[in-house]
Amino acid sequence: MIDFVTGRIAGRGPSHCVVDVGGVGLRLAMSTGSLAALPHEGDTVTIFTHLHVREDELSLFGFESVAEKELFENLITVNGVGPKVALAALSSYSPDVLGEAIASGDVAVVSSIPGIGTKTAQRIILDLKDKLGGAATRVARSAAATSAVAEAREALLGMGFSASEITIALKGCPPDAAASGMVKHALRRLGGGVR
């Protein structure tokens, strides 16, 4: 299995990105949230992945966070939910919101996803409620941390720092810090000449 890829963003479309990994362009289908979190074209990125194998096709799916990847992999275990529907679910709702909806048995939220009717929503909840019930808190924490990092990155980009400078400056920052704390940490490192 391919667990993650690290390479340069070579291009992107409405539902995918292309990552240049050592001269090979890998096309990764991604949720709209993960695509929006990607750095600019030409920047280096690490994307978590899931390789989906069918007898006539190999598809590579990309995720911004491990929480999103795990939720995707849980969704595709449900009978009637393929990778495209799972990706549509992650494009409709963030992992924390979707995980919480499944864990709490909210059929209305789950059935509002394109390609998922009431019966499929009920099946998803029945199959995954116990799995995600304990994990919902972890997913929410992970998503909150990812959101704080994205917010800090945006603020630093707005100050004129490059994506590579920001990545280096955010190293060593506590993962549970608020976005403002991450920005302060990065500015101290950038101002102090730490590379």
C-alpha atoms as a PDB file:
ATOM      1  CA  MET A   1       0.000   0.000   0.000  1.00  0.00           C
ATOM      2  CA  ILE A   2       0.997   3.615  -0.541  1.00  0.00           C
ATOM      3  CA  ASP A   3       0.501   5.331   2.836  1.00  0.00           C
ATOM      4  CA  PHE A   4       1.556   8.844   1.794  1.00  0.00           C
ATOM      5  CA  VAL A   5       3.361  10.720  -0.958  1.00  0.00           C
ATOM      6  CA  THR A   6       5.704  13.692  -0.707  1.00  0.00           C
ATOM      7  CA  GLY A   7       6.367  15.767  -3.782  1.00  0.00           C
ATOM      8  CA  ARG A   8       5.772  19.027  -5.607  1.00  0.00           C
ATOM      9  CA  ILE A   9       2.272  20.216  -6.546  1.00  0.00           C
ATOM     10  CA  ALA A  10       2.308  20.041 -10.351  1.00  0.00           C
ATOM     11  CA  GLY A  11      -1.332  20.937 -10.965  1.00  0.00           C
ATOM     12  CA  ARG A  12      -4.862  20.666  -9.672  1.00  0.00           C
ATOM     13  CA  GLY A  13      -8.426  20.306 -10.897  1.00  0.00           C
ATOM     14  CA  PRO A  14     -11.839  20.606  -9.238  1.00  0.00           C
ATOM     15  CA  SER A  15     -11.597  17.115  -7.689  1.00  0.00           C
ATOM     16  CA  HIS A  16      -7.920  16.140  -7.920  1.00  0.00           C
ATOM     17  CA  CYS A  17      -4.331  17.274  -7.744  1.00  0.00           C
ATOM     18  CA  VAL A  18      -1.191  16.058  -9.490  1.00  0.00           C
ATOM     19  CA  VAL A  19       1.907  15.571  -7.347  1.00  0.00           C
ATOM     20  CA  ASP A  20       5.324  15.282  -9.013  1.00  0.00           C
ATOM     21  CA  VAL A  21       7.172  12.584  -7.073  1.00  0.00           C
ATOM     22  CA  GLY A  22      10.652  12.127  -8.513  1.00  0.00           C
ATOM     23  CA  GLY A  23       9.553  12.957 -12.037  1.00  0.00           C
ATOM     24  CA  VAL A  24       6.371  10.828 -11.903  1.00  0.00           C
ATOM     25  CA  GLY A  25       3.059  12.697 -11.855  1.00  0.00           C
ATOM     26  CA  LEU A  26       0.629  11.019  -9.441  1.00  0.00           C
ATOM     27  CA  ARG A  27      -3.033  12.009  -9.826  1.00  0.00           C
ATOM     28  CA  LEU A  28      -4.814  11.996  -6.457  1.00  0.00           C
ATOM     29  CA  ALA A  29      -8.582  12.324  -6.141  1.00  0.00           C
ATOM     30  CA  MET A  30      -9.287  14.547  -3.121  1.00  0.00           C
ATOM     31  CA  SER A  31     -12.130  16.131  -1.184  1.00  0.00           C
ATOM     32  CA  THR A  32     -12.763  19.825  -1.729  1.00  0.00           C
ATOM     33  CA  GLY A  33     -11.538  20.578   1.813  1.00  0.00           C
ATOM     34  CA  SER A  34      -8.231  18.791   1.276  1.00  0.00           C
ATOM     35  CA  LEU A  35      -7.740  20.499  -2.097  1.00  0.00           C
ATOM     36  CA  ALA A  36      -8.356  23.911  -0.544  1.00  0.00           C
ATOM     37  CA  ALA A  37      -5.715  23.201   2.126  1.00  0.00           C
ATOM     38  CA  LEU A  38      -2.991  22.424  -0.411  1.00  0.00           C
ATOM     39  CA  PRO A  39      -0.126  24.892  -0.810  1.00  0.00           C
ATOM     40  CA  HIS A  40       0.531  26.720  -4.072  1.00  0.00           C
ATOM     41  CA  GLU A  41       1.579  25.018  -7.288  1.00  0.00           C
ATOM     42  CA  GLY A  42       5.309  24.248  -7.200  1.00  0.00           C
ATOM     43  CA  ASP A  43       5.396  23.900  -3.399  1.00  0.00           C
ATOM     44  CA  THR A  44       6.320  20.641  -1.688  1.00  0.00           C
ATOM     45  CA  VAL A  45       3.575  18.775   0.143  1.00  0.00           C
ATOM     46  CA  THR A  46       2.955  15.493   1.950  1.00  0.00           C
ATOM     47  CA  ILE A  47      -0.446  13.916   1.299  1.00  0.00           C
ATOM     48  CA  PHE A  48      -1.820  10.820   3.042  1.00  0.00           C
ATOM     49  CA  THR A  49      -3.134   8.308   0.509  1.00  0.00           C
ATOM     50  CA  HIS A  50      -5.337   5.280  -0.060  1.00  0.00           C
ATOM     51  CA  LEU A  51      -4.760   3.076  -3.115  1.00  0.00           C
ATOM     52  CA  HIS A  52      -8.062   1.596  -4.306  1.00  0.00           C
ATOM     53  CA  VAL A  53      -7.640  -1.496  -6.466  1.00  0.00           C
ATOM     54  CA  ARG A  54     -10.273  -2.820  -8.858  1.00  0.00           C
ATOM     55  CA  GLU A  55      -9.686  -5.413 -11.534  1.00  0.00           C
ATOM     56  CA  ASP A  56      -9.780  -2.752 -14.264  1.00  0.00           C
ATOM     57  CA  GLU A  57      -8.452   0.314 -12.416  1.00  0.00           C
ATOM     58  CA  LEU A  58      -6.031   1.601  -9.798  1.00  0.00           C
ATOM     59  CA  SER A  59      -7.158   4.834  -8.123  1.00  0.00           C
ATOM     60  CA  LEU A  60      -5.150   6.913  -5.678  1.00  0.00           C
ATOM     61  CA  PHE A  61      -7.062   9.036  -3.168  1.00  0.00           C
ATOM     62  CA  GLY A  62      -5.387  11.824  -1.190  1.00  0.00           C
ATOM     63  CA  PHE A  63      -6.156  13.292   2.222  1.00  0.00           C
ATOM     64  CA  GLU A  64      -4.978  16.299   4.191  1.00  0.00           C
ATOM     65  CA  SER A  65      -5.104  14.441   7.515  1.00  0.00           C
ATOM     66  CA  VAL A  66      -4.943  10.929   8.919  1.00  0.00           C
ATOM     67  CA  ALA A  67      -8.422  11.490  10.427  1.00  0.00           C
ATOM     68  CA  GLU A  68      -9.889  12.156   6.978  1.00  0.00           C
ATOM     69  CA  LYS A  69      -8.132   9.090   5.534  1.00  0.00           C
ATOM     70  CA  GLU A  70      -9.383   6.842   8.359  1.00  0.00           C
ATOM     71  CA  LEU A  71     -12.959   8.056   7.936  1.00  0.00           C
ATOM     72  CA  PHE A  72     -12.745   7.427   4.169  1.00  0.00           C
ATOM     73  CA  GLU A  73     -11.448   3.893   4.778  1.00  0.00           C
ATOM     74  CA  ASN A  74     -14.252   3.232   7.263  1.00  0.00           C
ATOM     75  CA  LEU A  75     -16.880   4.536   4.830  1.00  0.00           C
ATOM     76  CA  ILE A  76     -15.790   2.276   1.958  1.00  0.00           C
ATOM     77  CA  THR A  77     -16.215  -0.808   4.174  1.00  0.00           C
ATOM     78  CA  VAL A  78     -19.972  -0.163   4.185  1.00  0.00           C
ATOM     79  CA  ASN A  79     -21.918  -2.158   1.582  1.00  0.00           C
ATOM     80  CA  GLY A  80     -23.071   0.217  -1.183  1.00  0.00           C
ATOM     81  CA  VAL A  81     -20.517   2.950  -0.441  1.00  0.00           C
ATOM     82  CA  GLY A  82     -17.717   3.159  -2.977  1.00  0.00           C
ATOM     83  CA  PRO A  83     -14.723   5.494  -2.961  1.00  0.00           C
ATOM     84  CA  LYS A  84     -16.470   8.178  -5.059  1.00  0.00           C
ATOM     85  CA  VAL A  85     -19.411   8.352  -2.656  1.00  0.00           C
ATOM     86  CA  ALA A  86     -17.031   8.364   0.337  1.00  0.00           C
ATOM     87  CA  LEU A  87     -15.118  11.261  -1.250  1.00  0.00           C
ATOM     88  CA  ALA A  88     -18.421  13.099  -1.884  1.00  0.00           C
ATOM     89  CA  ALA A  89     -19.212  12.646   1.819  1.00  0.00           C
ATOM     90  CA  LEU A  90     -15.872  14.181   2.809  1.00  0.00           C
ATOM     91  CA  SER A  91     -16.423  17.026   0.345  1.00  0.00           C
ATOM     92  CA  SER A  92     -19.834  17.699   1.914  1.00  0.00           C
ATOM     93  CA  TYR A  93     -18.740  17.643   5.555  1.00  0.00           C
ATOM     94  CA  SER A  94     -15.470  17.918   7.460  1.00  0.00           C
ATOM     95  CA  PRO A  95     -14.300  14.676   9.127  1.00  0.00           C
ATOM     96  CA  ASP A  96     -15.277  15.919  12.600  1.00  0.00           C
ATOM     97  CA  VAL A  97     -18.829  16.908  11.560  1.00  0.00           C
ATOM     98  CA  LEU A  98     -19.414  13.727   9.543  1.00  0.00           C
ATOM     99  CA  GLY A  99     -17.892  11.499  12.239  1.00  0.00           C
ATOM    100  CA  GLU A 100     -20.071  13.144  14.884  1.00  0.00           C
ATOM    101  CA  ALA A 101     -23.205  12.775  12.691  1.00  0.00           C
ATOM    102  CA  ILE A 102     -22.515   9.052  12.233  1.00  0.00           C
ATOM    103  CA  ALA A 103     -21.639   8.509  15.908  1.00  0.00           C
ATOM    104  CA  SER A 104     -24.816  10.292  17.044  1.00  0.00           C
ATOM    105  CA  GLY A 105     -27.033   8.503  14.469  1.00  0.00           C
ATOM    106  CA  ASP A 106     -28.055  11.661  12.563  1.00  0.00           C
ATOM    107  CA  VAL A 107     -29.688  10.144   9.459  1.00  0.00           C
ATOM    108  CA  ALA A 108     -30.726  13.572   8.111  1.00  0.00           C
ATOM    109  CA  VAL A 109     -27.122  14.815   7.889  1.00  0.00           C
ATOM    110  CA  VAL A 110     -25.720  11.594   6.427  1.00  0.00           C
ATOM    111  CA  SER A 111     -28.549  11.221   3.866  1.00  0.00           C
ATOM    112  CA  SER A 112     -28.013  14.823   2.665  1.00  0.00           C
ATOM    113  CA  ILE A 113     -24.731  13.737   1.031  1.00  0.00           C
ATOM    114  CA  PRO A 114     -24.989  13.388  -2.781  1.00  0.00           C
ATOM    115  CA  GLY A 115     -25.291   9.706  -3.721  1.00  0.00           C
ATOM    116  CA  ILE A 116     -26.460   8.610  -0.259  1.00  0.00           C
ATOM    117  CA  GLY A 117     -30.148   7.943   0.306  1.00  0.00           C
ATOM    118  CA  THR A 118     -31.923   7.242   3.586  1.00  0.00           C
ATOM    119  CA  LYS A 119     -31.338   3.465   3.479  1.00  0.00           C
ATOM    120  CA  THR A 120     -27.622   3.845   2.758  1.00  0.00           C
ATOM    121  CA  ALA A 121     -27.355   6.500   5.487  1.00  0.00           C
ATOM    122  CA  GLN A 122     -28.966   4.106   7.965  1.00  0.00           C
ATOM    123  CA  ARG A 123     -26.556   1.340   6.892  1.00  0.00           C
ATOM    124  CA  ILE A 124     -23.546   3.674   7.333  1.00  0.00           C
ATOM    125  CA  ILE A 125     -24.719   4.609  10.829  1.00  0.00           C
ATOM    126  CA  LEU A 126     -25.457   0.984  11.766  1.00  0.00           C
ATOM    127  CA  ASP A 127     -22.069  -0.260  10.512  1.00  0.00           C
ATOM    128  CA  LEU A 128     -19.893   2.618  11.762  1.00  0.00           C
ATOM    129  CA  LYS A 129     -21.639   4.045  14.845  1.00  0.00           C
ATOM    130  CA  ASP A 130     -19.722   1.847  17.308  1.00  0.00           C
ATOM    131  CA  LYS A 131     -16.419   2.257  15.440  1.00  0.00           C
ATOM    132  CA  LEU A 132     -16.692   6.051  15.344  1.00  0.00           C
ATOM    133  CA  GLY A 133     -18.369   6.559  18.724  1.00  0.00           C
ATOM    134  CA  GLY A 134     -15.058   6.265  20.593  1.00  0.00           C
ATOM    135  CA  ALA A 135     -13.124   7.785  17.712  1.00  0.00           C
ATOM    136  CA  ALA A 136     -15.389  10.827  17.275  1.00  0.00           C
ATOM    137  CA  THR A 137     -13.565  12.760  19.987  1.00  0.00           C
ATOM    138  CA  ARG A 138     -10.161  11.914  18.467  1.00  0.00           C
ATOM    139  CA  VAL A 139     -11.415  12.909  15.001  1.00  0.00           C
ATOM    140  CA  ALA A 140     -12.751  16.208  16.345  1.00  0.00           C
ATOM    141  CA  ARG A 141      -9.430  16.960  18.093  1.00  0.00           C
ATOM    142  CA  SER A 142      -7.409  16.057  15.004  1.00  0.00           C
ATOM    143  CA  ALA A 143      -9.644  18.156  12.755  1.00  0.00           C
ATOM    144  CA  ALA A 144      -9.423  21.108  15.157  1.00  0.00           C
ATOM    145  CA  ALA A 145      -5.624  20.858  15.142  1.00  0.00           C
ATOM    146  CA  THR A 146      -5.594  20.666  11.321  1.00  0.00           C
ATOM    147  CA  SER A 147      -7.875  23.718  11.164  1.00  0.00           C
ATOM    148  CA  ALA A 148      -5.585  25.674  13.526  1.00  0.00           C
ATOM    149  CA  VAL A 149      -2.531  24.830  11.388  1.00  0.00           C
ATOM    150  CA  ALA A 150      -4.368  25.909   8.224  1.00  0.00           C
ATOM    151  CA  GLU A 151      -5.429  29.180   9.903  1.00  0.00           C
ATOM    152  CA  ALA A 152      -1.861  29.841  11.082  1.00  0.00           C
ATOM    153  CA  ARG A 153      -0.481  29.076   7.589  1.00  0.00           C
ATOM    154  CA  GLU A 154      -2.957  31.509   5.987  1.00  0.00           C
ATOM    155  CA  ALA A 155      -2.010  34.253   8.441  1.00  0.00           C
ATOM    156  CA  LEU A 156       1.712  33.746   7.796  1.00  0.00           C
ATOM    157  CA  LEU A 157       1.209  33.626   4.020  1.00  0.00           C
ATOM    158  CA  GLY A 158      -0.654  36.929   4.360  1.00  0.00           C
ATOM    159  CA  MET A 159       2.428  38.378   6.085  1.00  0.00           C
ATOM    160  CA  GLY A 160       4.508  37.544   3.028  1.00  0.00           C
ATOM    161  CA  PHE A 161       6.342  34.404   4.172  1.00  0.00           C
ATOM    162  CA  SER A 162       6.797  31.566   1.668  1.00  0.00           C
ATOM    163  CA  ALA A 163       5.171  28.156   2.185  1.00  0.00           C
ATOM    164  CA  SER A 164       8.569  26.519   2.754  1.00  0.00           C
ATOM    165  CA  GLU A 165       9.537  29.141   5.386  1.00  0.00           C
ATOM    166  CA  ILE A 166       6.198  28.564   7.138  1.00  0.00           C
ATOM    167  CA  THR A 167       6.606  24.772   7.160  1.00  0.00           C
ATOM    168  CA  ILE A 168      10.033  25.093   8.785  1.00  0.00           C
ATOM    169  CA  ALA A 169       8.862  27.789  11.223  1.00  0.00           C
ATOM    170  CA  LEU A 170       5.904  25.687  12.443  1.00  0.00           C
ATOM    171  CA  LYS A 171       8.123  22.714  13.327  1.00  0.00           C
ATOM    172  CA  GLY A 172       8.186  22.014  17.045  1.00  0.00           C
ATOM    173  CA  CYS A 173       4.930  23.865  17.668  1.00  0.00           C
ATOM    174  CA  PRO A 174       2.645  22.032  20.145  1.00  0.00           C
ATOM    175  CA  PRO A 175      -0.010  20.202  18.056  1.00  0.00           C
ATOM    176  CA  ASP A 176      -2.837  21.294  20.362  1.00  0.00           C
ATOM    177  CA  ALA A 177      -1.904  25.006  20.215  1.00  0.00           C
ATOM    178  CA  ALA A 178      -4.391  27.577  18.985  1.00  0.00           C
ATOM    179  CA  ALA A 179      -3.759  29.263  15.621  1.00  0.00           C
ATOM    180  CA  SER A 180      -2.598  32.473  17.354  1.00  0.00           C
ATOM    181  CA  GLY A 181      -0.089  30.473  19.423  1.00  0.00           C
ATOM    182  CA  MET A 182       1.210  28.789  16.269  1.00  0.00           C
ATOM    183  CA  VAL A 183       1.659  32.156  14.550  1.00  0.00           C
ATOM    184  CA  LYS A 184       3.589  33.515  17.559  1.00  0.00           C
ATOM    185  CA  HIS A 185       5.777  30.375  17.615  1.00  0.00           C
ATOM    186  CA  ALA A 186       6.493  30.693  13.872  1.00  0.00           C
ATOM    187  CA  LEU A 187       7.259  34.430  14.111  1.00  0.00           C
ATOM    188  CA  ARG A 188       9.718  33.823  16.960  1.00  0.00           C
ATOM    189  CA  ARG A 189      11.512  31.214  14.835  1.00  0.00           C
ATOM    190  CA  LEU A 190      11.429  33.361  11.700  1.00  0.00           C
ATOM    191  CA  GLY A 191      12.579  36.475  13.580  1.00  0.00           C
ATOM    192  CA  GLY A 192      15.289  34.548  15.401  1.00  0.00           C
ATOM    193  CA  GLY A 193      16.716  33.185  12.191  1.00  0.00           C
ATOM    194  CA  VAL A 194      15.949  29.549  13.107  1.00  0.00           C
ATOM    195  CA  ARG A 195      15.799  27.462   9.957  1.00  0.00           C
END
